N, C-alpha and C. Protein backbone atom coordinates (compact mmCIF):
# COMPACT_ATOMS: atom_id res chain seq x y z
N MET A 1 -16.70 91.14 -41.07
CA MET A 1 -17.45 90.36 -40.31
C MET A 1 -18.77 90.07 -40.79
N LEU A 2 -19.41 91.02 -41.59
CA LEU A 2 -20.68 90.78 -42.22
C LEU A 2 -20.62 89.69 -43.28
N THR A 3 -19.56 89.75 -43.92
CA THR A 3 -19.24 88.68 -44.90
C THR A 3 -19.13 87.32 -44.28
N ARG A 4 -18.56 87.29 -43.20
CA ARG A 4 -18.39 86.06 -42.64
C ARG A 4 -19.79 85.53 -42.09
N VAL A 5 -20.72 86.30 -41.51
CA VAL A 5 -22.02 85.92 -41.24
C VAL A 5 -22.87 85.48 -42.36
N LEU A 6 -22.65 86.30 -43.47
CA LEU A 6 -23.42 85.92 -44.64
C LEU A 6 -22.98 84.57 -45.18
N GLN A 7 -21.79 84.14 -45.19
CA GLN A 7 -21.23 82.93 -45.69
C GLN A 7 -21.84 81.84 -44.77
N ARG A 8 -21.86 81.88 -43.50
CA ARG A 8 -22.08 80.93 -42.51
C ARG A 8 -23.67 80.64 -42.60
N THR A 9 -24.43 81.61 -42.87
CA THR A 9 -26.00 81.58 -42.72
C THR A 9 -26.57 81.04 -44.02
N SER A 10 -27.43 80.02 -43.82
CA SER A 10 -28.30 79.50 -45.02
C SER A 10 -29.25 80.54 -45.70
N PRO A 11 -29.58 80.31 -46.90
CA PRO A 11 -30.40 81.38 -47.57
C PRO A 11 -31.76 81.47 -46.87
N LEU A 12 -32.24 80.22 -46.32
CA LEU A 12 -33.61 80.35 -45.70
C LEU A 12 -33.38 81.17 -44.30
N GLY A 13 -32.28 81.00 -43.64
CA GLY A 13 -31.96 81.73 -42.41
C GLY A 13 -31.93 83.25 -42.73
N LEU A 14 -31.22 83.62 -43.91
CA LEU A 14 -31.16 84.93 -44.32
C LEU A 14 -32.56 85.60 -44.62
N LEU A 15 -33.28 84.78 -45.30
CA LEU A 15 -34.72 85.19 -45.60
C LEU A 15 -35.57 85.52 -44.34
N VAL A 16 -35.62 84.50 -43.58
CA VAL A 16 -36.32 84.70 -42.27
C VAL A 16 -35.78 85.95 -41.41
N SER A 17 -34.61 86.04 -41.34
CA SER A 17 -33.86 87.22 -40.65
C SER A 17 -34.39 88.52 -41.35
N GLY A 18 -34.34 88.43 -42.70
CA GLY A 18 -34.71 89.64 -43.36
C GLY A 18 -36.22 90.03 -43.11
N LEU A 19 -37.10 88.97 -43.10
CA LEU A 19 -38.56 89.26 -42.88
C LEU A 19 -38.69 89.77 -41.37
N VAL A 20 -37.97 89.13 -40.50
CA VAL A 20 -38.19 89.63 -39.12
C VAL A 20 -37.76 91.22 -39.05
N VAL A 21 -36.54 91.47 -39.48
CA VAL A 21 -36.18 92.89 -39.51
C VAL A 21 -37.01 93.82 -40.13
N GLY A 22 -37.55 93.34 -41.43
CA GLY A 22 -38.52 94.11 -42.23
C GLY A 22 -39.94 94.37 -41.58
N VAL A 23 -40.34 93.37 -40.90
CA VAL A 23 -41.64 93.52 -40.23
C VAL A 23 -41.53 94.29 -39.09
N ALA A 24 -40.36 94.32 -38.25
CA ALA A 24 -40.15 95.16 -37.15
C ALA A 24 -39.96 96.55 -37.49
N VAL A 25 -39.36 96.94 -38.78
CA VAL A 25 -39.18 98.16 -39.04
C VAL A 25 -40.24 98.80 -40.02
N SER A 26 -40.73 98.18 -40.92
CA SER A 26 -41.72 98.70 -41.99
C SER A 26 -43.15 98.35 -41.76
N PRO A 27 -44.10 99.20 -41.54
CA PRO A 27 -45.42 99.01 -41.36
C PRO A 27 -46.10 98.41 -42.55
N VAL A 28 -45.63 98.78 -43.73
CA VAL A 28 -46.29 98.26 -45.03
C VAL A 28 -45.87 96.83 -45.07
N LEU A 29 -44.64 96.41 -44.84
CA LEU A 29 -44.25 95.01 -44.77
C LEU A 29 -44.98 94.22 -43.87
N ARG A 30 -45.17 94.91 -42.76
CA ARG A 30 -45.98 94.24 -41.61
C ARG A 30 -47.27 93.85 -42.00
N LYS A 31 -47.94 94.84 -42.76
CA LYS A 31 -49.30 94.56 -43.22
C LYS A 31 -49.28 93.33 -44.25
N GLY A 32 -48.34 93.40 -45.05
CA GLY A 32 -48.28 92.32 -46.08
C GLY A 32 -48.02 90.93 -45.51
N VAL A 33 -46.97 90.91 -44.52
CA VAL A 33 -46.89 89.59 -43.81
C VAL A 33 -47.94 89.22 -42.98
N ARG A 34 -48.70 90.22 -42.45
CA ARG A 34 -49.92 89.88 -41.73
C ARG A 34 -50.91 89.23 -42.70
N GLY A 35 -51.11 89.71 -43.84
CA GLY A 35 -52.09 89.12 -44.69
C GLY A 35 -51.64 87.65 -45.13
N LEU A 36 -50.37 87.65 -45.44
CA LEU A 36 -49.77 86.33 -45.72
C LEU A 36 -50.11 85.30 -44.59
N LEU A 37 -49.86 85.66 -43.30
CA LEU A 37 -50.13 84.82 -42.20
C LEU A 37 -51.49 84.49 -42.10
N VAL A 38 -52.47 85.38 -42.26
CA VAL A 38 -53.88 85.11 -42.39
C VAL A 38 -54.32 84.12 -43.42
N GLN A 39 -53.75 84.24 -44.57
CA GLN A 39 -54.13 83.34 -45.74
C GLN A 39 -53.44 82.04 -45.39
N THR A 40 -52.27 81.99 -44.69
CA THR A 40 -51.69 80.55 -44.37
C THR A 40 -52.56 79.99 -43.35
N ALA A 41 -53.03 80.71 -42.29
CA ALA A 41 -53.86 80.17 -41.22
C ALA A 41 -55.25 79.68 -41.79
N LYS A 42 -55.85 80.39 -42.77
CA LYS A 42 -57.08 80.24 -43.44
C LYS A 42 -56.89 78.74 -44.13
N MET A 43 -55.74 78.57 -44.81
CA MET A 43 -55.42 77.29 -45.65
C MET A 43 -55.27 76.10 -44.58
N VAL A 44 -54.57 76.39 -43.50
CA VAL A 44 -54.53 75.35 -42.44
C VAL A 44 -55.92 75.00 -41.86
N LEU A 45 -56.65 75.91 -41.57
CA LEU A 45 -57.94 75.66 -41.07
C LEU A 45 -58.90 74.80 -42.19
N VAL A 46 -58.76 75.23 -43.31
CA VAL A 46 -59.47 74.50 -44.34
C VAL A 46 -59.08 73.10 -44.45
N ALA A 47 -57.73 72.81 -44.59
CA ALA A 47 -57.16 71.65 -44.64
C ALA A 47 -57.48 70.81 -43.34
N SER A 48 -57.53 71.47 -42.30
CA SER A 48 -57.80 70.60 -41.01
C SER A 48 -59.33 70.25 -41.06
N ASP A 49 -60.30 71.14 -41.65
CA ASP A 49 -61.73 70.73 -41.77
C ASP A 49 -61.83 69.64 -42.72
N GLN A 50 -61.09 69.63 -43.80
CA GLN A 50 -61.23 68.51 -44.75
C GLN A 50 -60.67 67.19 -44.21
N VAL A 51 -59.63 67.22 -43.33
CA VAL A 51 -59.13 66.01 -42.81
C VAL A 51 -60.17 65.53 -41.70
N LYS A 52 -60.70 66.37 -40.92
CA LYS A 52 -61.85 66.03 -40.00
C LYS A 52 -62.91 65.32 -40.86
N GLY A 53 -63.40 66.01 -41.89
CA GLY A 53 -64.39 65.38 -42.61
C GLY A 53 -64.08 64.02 -43.18
N ILE A 54 -62.90 63.72 -43.67
CA ILE A 54 -62.43 62.60 -44.05
C ILE A 54 -62.43 61.40 -42.86
N GLY A 55 -61.97 61.93 -41.69
CA GLY A 55 -61.96 61.17 -40.46
C GLY A 55 -63.41 60.73 -40.10
N ASN A 56 -64.26 61.74 -40.18
CA ASN A 56 -65.81 61.51 -39.85
C ASN A 56 -66.28 60.42 -40.78
N LYS A 57 -65.94 60.53 -42.04
CA LYS A 57 -66.48 59.60 -43.14
C LYS A 57 -65.94 58.18 -42.84
N ILE A 58 -64.68 58.07 -42.48
CA ILE A 58 -64.06 56.87 -42.17
C ILE A 58 -64.61 56.27 -40.90
N SER A 59 -64.82 57.06 -39.95
CA SER A 59 -65.54 56.62 -38.76
C SER A 59 -66.89 56.04 -38.86
N GLU A 60 -67.72 56.80 -39.73
CA GLU A 60 -69.11 56.41 -40.05
C GLU A 60 -68.98 54.93 -40.82
N GLY A 61 -68.02 54.78 -41.69
CA GLY A 61 -67.96 53.62 -42.33
C GLY A 61 -67.58 52.39 -41.38
N VAL A 62 -66.70 52.67 -40.49
CA VAL A 62 -66.30 51.58 -39.41
C VAL A 62 -67.52 51.30 -38.62
N ASN A 63 -68.24 52.39 -38.12
CA ASN A 63 -69.47 52.19 -37.32
C ASN A 63 -70.49 51.37 -38.11
N ASP A 64 -70.62 51.59 -39.43
CA ASP A 64 -71.58 50.74 -40.13
C ASP A 64 -71.18 49.30 -40.28
N LEU A 65 -69.87 49.16 -40.51
CA LEU A 65 -69.45 47.79 -40.48
C LEU A 65 -69.56 47.08 -39.05
N VAL A 66 -69.30 47.79 -37.96
CA VAL A 66 -69.45 47.17 -36.64
C VAL A 66 -71.04 46.85 -36.38
N ALA A 67 -71.92 47.83 -36.83
CA ALA A 67 -73.42 47.71 -36.81
C ALA A 67 -73.73 46.46 -37.69
N GLU A 68 -73.32 46.34 -38.76
CA GLU A 68 -73.66 45.16 -39.64
C GLU A 68 -73.07 43.79 -38.93
N ALA A 69 -71.97 43.87 -38.46
CA ALA A 69 -71.32 42.62 -37.83
C ALA A 69 -72.14 42.20 -36.66
N ARG A 70 -72.66 43.13 -35.84
CA ARG A 70 -73.47 42.95 -34.74
C ARG A 70 -74.74 42.32 -35.06
N ALA A 71 -75.43 42.87 -36.13
CA ALA A 71 -76.68 42.35 -36.77
C ALA A 71 -76.51 40.90 -37.16
N LYS A 72 -75.40 40.57 -37.82
CA LYS A 72 -75.18 39.25 -38.32
C LYS A 72 -74.90 38.34 -37.12
N ALA A 73 -74.31 38.77 -36.14
CA ALA A 73 -74.14 37.96 -34.87
C ALA A 73 -75.25 37.74 -34.24
N GLU A 74 -76.16 38.58 -34.21
CA GLU A 74 -77.56 38.26 -33.52
C GLU A 74 -78.26 37.24 -34.40
N GLU A 75 -78.25 37.34 -35.69
CA GLU A 75 -78.95 36.35 -36.47
C GLU A 75 -78.27 35.08 -36.33
N GLU A 76 -77.05 34.92 -36.26
CA GLU A 76 -76.34 33.63 -36.14
C GLU A 76 -76.01 33.35 -34.64
N LYS A 77 -76.74 33.85 -33.79
CA LYS A 77 -76.52 33.77 -32.25
C LYS A 77 -76.51 32.36 -31.80
N PRO A 78 -75.34 32.00 -31.18
CA PRO A 78 -75.29 30.59 -30.77
C PRO A 78 -76.20 30.52 -29.51
N PRO A 79 -76.55 29.24 -29.07
CA PRO A 79 -77.45 29.10 -28.03
C PRO A 79 -76.99 29.76 -26.67
N LEU A 80 -77.93 30.24 -25.90
CA LEU A 80 -77.55 31.00 -24.75
C LEU A 80 -77.06 29.88 -23.84
N ILE A 81 -76.27 30.51 -22.87
CA ILE A 81 -75.78 29.52 -21.64
C ILE A 81 -76.85 28.83 -21.15
N ALA A 82 -77.92 29.47 -20.83
CA ALA A 82 -79.17 28.68 -20.10
C ALA A 82 -79.56 27.49 -20.96
N GLU A 83 -79.57 27.69 -22.23
CA GLU A 83 -80.04 26.63 -23.12
C GLU A 83 -79.08 25.46 -23.14
N LYS A 84 -77.72 25.82 -23.05
CA LYS A 84 -76.79 24.76 -23.05
C LYS A 84 -76.75 24.11 -21.71
N VAL A 85 -76.97 24.88 -20.47
CA VAL A 85 -77.13 24.20 -19.28
C VAL A 85 -78.35 23.20 -19.19
N HIS A 86 -79.50 23.54 -19.81
CA HIS A 86 -80.61 22.91 -19.95
C HIS A 86 -80.37 21.64 -20.76
N ALA A 87 -79.77 21.56 -21.78
CA ALA A 87 -79.39 20.59 -22.67
C ALA A 87 -78.42 19.55 -21.88
N ALA A 88 -77.50 20.18 -21.28
CA ALA A 88 -76.50 19.18 -20.52
C ALA A 88 -77.32 18.56 -19.30
N THR A 89 -78.22 19.33 -18.59
CA THR A 89 -78.99 18.83 -17.53
C THR A 89 -79.91 17.60 -18.04
N VAL A 90 -80.53 17.75 -19.13
CA VAL A 90 -81.33 16.69 -19.76
C VAL A 90 -80.55 15.51 -20.14
N ALA A 91 -79.30 15.69 -20.63
CA ALA A 91 -78.45 14.57 -21.11
C ALA A 91 -77.94 13.91 -19.66
N ALA A 92 -77.70 14.65 -18.59
CA ALA A 92 -77.24 13.96 -17.47
C ALA A 92 -78.36 13.16 -16.80
N VAL A 93 -79.57 13.66 -16.85
CA VAL A 93 -80.67 13.05 -16.34
C VAL A 93 -80.99 11.78 -17.15
N GLY A 94 -80.94 11.91 -18.39
CA GLY A 94 -80.87 10.71 -19.23
C GLY A 94 -79.94 9.62 -18.93
N THR A 95 -78.85 10.04 -18.76
CA THR A 95 -77.64 9.14 -18.31
C THR A 95 -78.02 8.51 -16.91
N GLY A 96 -78.37 9.35 -16.08
CA GLY A 96 -78.92 8.85 -14.71
C GLY A 96 -79.99 7.80 -14.70
N LEU A 97 -80.99 8.12 -15.66
CA LEU A 97 -82.06 7.05 -15.86
C LEU A 97 -81.49 5.80 -16.40
N ALA A 98 -80.66 5.88 -17.46
CA ALA A 98 -80.03 4.69 -17.97
C ALA A 98 -79.25 3.84 -16.82
N ALA A 99 -78.41 4.49 -16.02
CA ALA A 99 -77.89 3.98 -14.96
C ALA A 99 -78.74 3.37 -14.01
N ALA A 100 -79.82 4.01 -13.69
CA ALA A 100 -80.82 3.46 -12.68
C ALA A 100 -81.45 2.13 -13.28
N ASP A 101 -81.81 2.21 -14.50
CA ASP A 101 -82.36 0.94 -15.15
C ASP A 101 -81.41 -0.21 -15.02
N ARG A 102 -80.15 0.04 -15.34
CA ARG A 102 -79.02 -1.03 -15.29
C ARG A 102 -78.97 -1.54 -13.79
N VAL A 103 -78.96 -0.51 -12.87
CA VAL A 103 -78.89 -1.03 -11.51
C VAL A 103 -80.09 -1.95 -11.09
N ARG A 104 -81.24 -1.49 -11.56
CA ARG A 104 -82.35 -2.26 -11.34
C ARG A 104 -82.49 -3.66 -12.00
N GLN A 105 -81.74 -3.67 -13.20
CA GLN A 105 -81.63 -5.10 -13.81
C GLN A 105 -80.68 -5.90 -12.98
N VAL A 106 -79.62 -5.32 -12.55
CA VAL A 106 -78.64 -6.16 -11.81
C VAL A 106 -79.23 -6.48 -10.45
N ALA A 107 -80.04 -5.74 -9.84
CA ALA A 107 -80.66 -5.89 -8.42
C ALA A 107 -81.74 -6.99 -8.70
N ASP A 108 -82.52 -7.00 -9.78
CA ASP A 108 -83.33 -7.99 -10.09
C ASP A 108 -82.75 -9.45 -10.31
N GLY A 109 -81.62 -9.35 -10.96
CA GLY A 109 -80.90 -10.63 -11.14
C GLY A 109 -80.35 -11.16 -9.73
N PHE A 110 -79.81 -10.30 -8.93
CA PHE A 110 -79.49 -10.79 -7.45
C PHE A 110 -80.72 -11.23 -6.78
N LYS A 111 -81.89 -10.64 -6.95
CA LYS A 111 -82.99 -10.96 -6.25
C LYS A 111 -83.43 -12.48 -6.69
N GLU A 112 -83.42 -12.70 -8.01
CA GLU A 112 -83.78 -14.00 -8.52
C GLU A 112 -82.86 -15.06 -7.90
N ARG A 113 -81.57 -14.67 -7.95
CA ARG A 113 -80.53 -15.68 -7.41
C ARG A 113 -80.73 -15.91 -6.03
N PHE A 114 -80.99 -14.78 -5.17
CA PHE A 114 -81.22 -14.97 -3.77
C PHE A 114 -82.45 -15.72 -3.46
N THR A 115 -83.44 -15.43 -4.23
CA THR A 115 -84.77 -16.12 -4.09
C THR A 115 -84.52 -17.69 -4.38
N GLY A 116 -83.87 -17.99 -5.38
CA GLY A 116 -83.42 -19.28 -5.70
C GLY A 116 -82.69 -20.02 -4.59
N LEU A 117 -81.69 -19.29 -4.04
CA LEU A 117 -80.95 -19.79 -3.03
C LEU A 117 -81.81 -20.06 -1.74
N VAL A 118 -82.60 -19.13 -1.40
CA VAL A 118 -83.71 -19.28 -0.37
C VAL A 118 -84.52 -20.56 -0.47
N GLU A 119 -84.95 -20.75 -1.70
CA GLU A 119 -85.92 -21.87 -1.93
C GLU A 119 -85.07 -23.20 -1.79
N GLU A 120 -83.76 -23.19 -2.30
CA GLU A 120 -82.97 -24.32 -2.18
C GLU A 120 -82.64 -24.56 -0.86
N ALA A 121 -82.40 -23.68 0.01
CA ALA A 121 -81.93 -23.86 1.34
C ALA A 121 -83.25 -24.32 2.15
N ARG A 122 -84.50 -23.91 1.86
CA ARG A 122 -85.72 -24.49 2.45
C ARG A 122 -85.86 -25.93 2.21
N LYS A 123 -85.72 -26.26 0.87
CA LYS A 123 -85.72 -27.58 0.48
C LYS A 123 -84.82 -28.43 1.05
N GLN A 124 -83.60 -27.97 1.27
CA GLN A 124 -82.48 -28.70 1.90
C GLN A 124 -82.80 -28.95 3.38
N GLN A 125 -83.42 -27.93 4.04
CA GLN A 125 -83.74 -28.02 5.46
C GLN A 125 -84.90 -29.06 5.57
N ALA A 126 -85.80 -28.85 4.62
CA ALA A 126 -86.94 -29.78 4.64
C ALA A 126 -86.48 -31.25 4.50
N ALA A 127 -85.65 -31.54 3.52
CA ALA A 127 -85.10 -32.70 3.22
C ALA A 127 -84.41 -33.31 4.58
N GLU A 128 -83.54 -32.43 5.24
CA GLU A 128 -82.86 -32.82 6.36
C GLU A 128 -83.78 -33.20 7.56
N GLY A 129 -84.89 -32.38 7.53
CA GLY A 129 -85.85 -32.77 8.67
C GLY A 129 -86.49 -34.07 8.38
N GLU A 130 -86.86 -34.41 7.11
CA GLU A 130 -87.46 -35.64 6.84
C GLU A 130 -86.50 -36.67 7.19
N GLU A 131 -85.25 -36.64 6.97
CA GLU A 131 -84.15 -37.69 7.38
C GLU A 131 -84.18 -38.01 8.66
N GLU A 132 -84.30 -36.86 9.41
CA GLU A 132 -84.24 -37.16 10.99
C GLU A 132 -85.37 -37.90 11.50
N THR A 133 -86.56 -37.53 10.86
CA THR A 133 -87.72 -38.30 11.34
C THR A 133 -87.97 -39.31 10.21
N ALA A 134 -87.58 -40.59 10.33
CA ALA A 134 -87.71 -41.52 9.41
C ALA A 134 -89.20 -42.07 9.55
N PRO A 135 -89.58 -42.62 8.50
CA PRO A 135 -91.11 -42.92 8.26
C PRO A 135 -91.29 -43.99 9.40
N GLY A 136 -92.34 -43.87 10.03
CA GLY A 136 -92.79 -44.70 11.25
C GLY A 136 -92.26 -44.20 12.51
N GLU A 137 -91.33 -43.33 12.60
CA GLU A 137 -90.83 -42.85 13.83
C GLU A 137 -91.75 -41.60 14.27
N LYS A 138 -91.75 -41.41 15.66
CA LYS A 138 -92.66 -40.39 16.14
C LYS A 138 -91.86 -39.12 16.29
N GLN A 139 -92.24 -38.03 16.22
CA GLN A 139 -91.61 -36.81 16.53
C GLN A 139 -91.99 -36.33 17.78
N ASP A 140 -91.24 -35.91 18.64
CA ASP A 140 -91.68 -35.34 19.90
C ASP A 140 -92.24 -33.97 19.92
């Protein structure tokens, strides 16, 4: 039966099993394994600190890039919304003034035509009035 277990178990499994049994039974082996575990933990912590340091450097680099991009964006800042609204308002008022001038021109044209028509109508009335009263006739 022992042969069968040894044949089915991988070498790594046998090693781990042997360490577990050895640590449980032998205080000397326990002390050695403990030292090995302490050294392993120390290496993991050192590696972790190095990874954190690299991460911090990358983060600082990204923060510098973002700060530089913000500074350039401030330098090349597009007009503020209020400035755009003001410019649009000025343009609209200019268009309104141009339209008002055109309306005034059209109204002046109508006024001249109407004045001409009124003068013509008065002349026509005056002429009709003169025809009714022929020369030498008395008007009542």
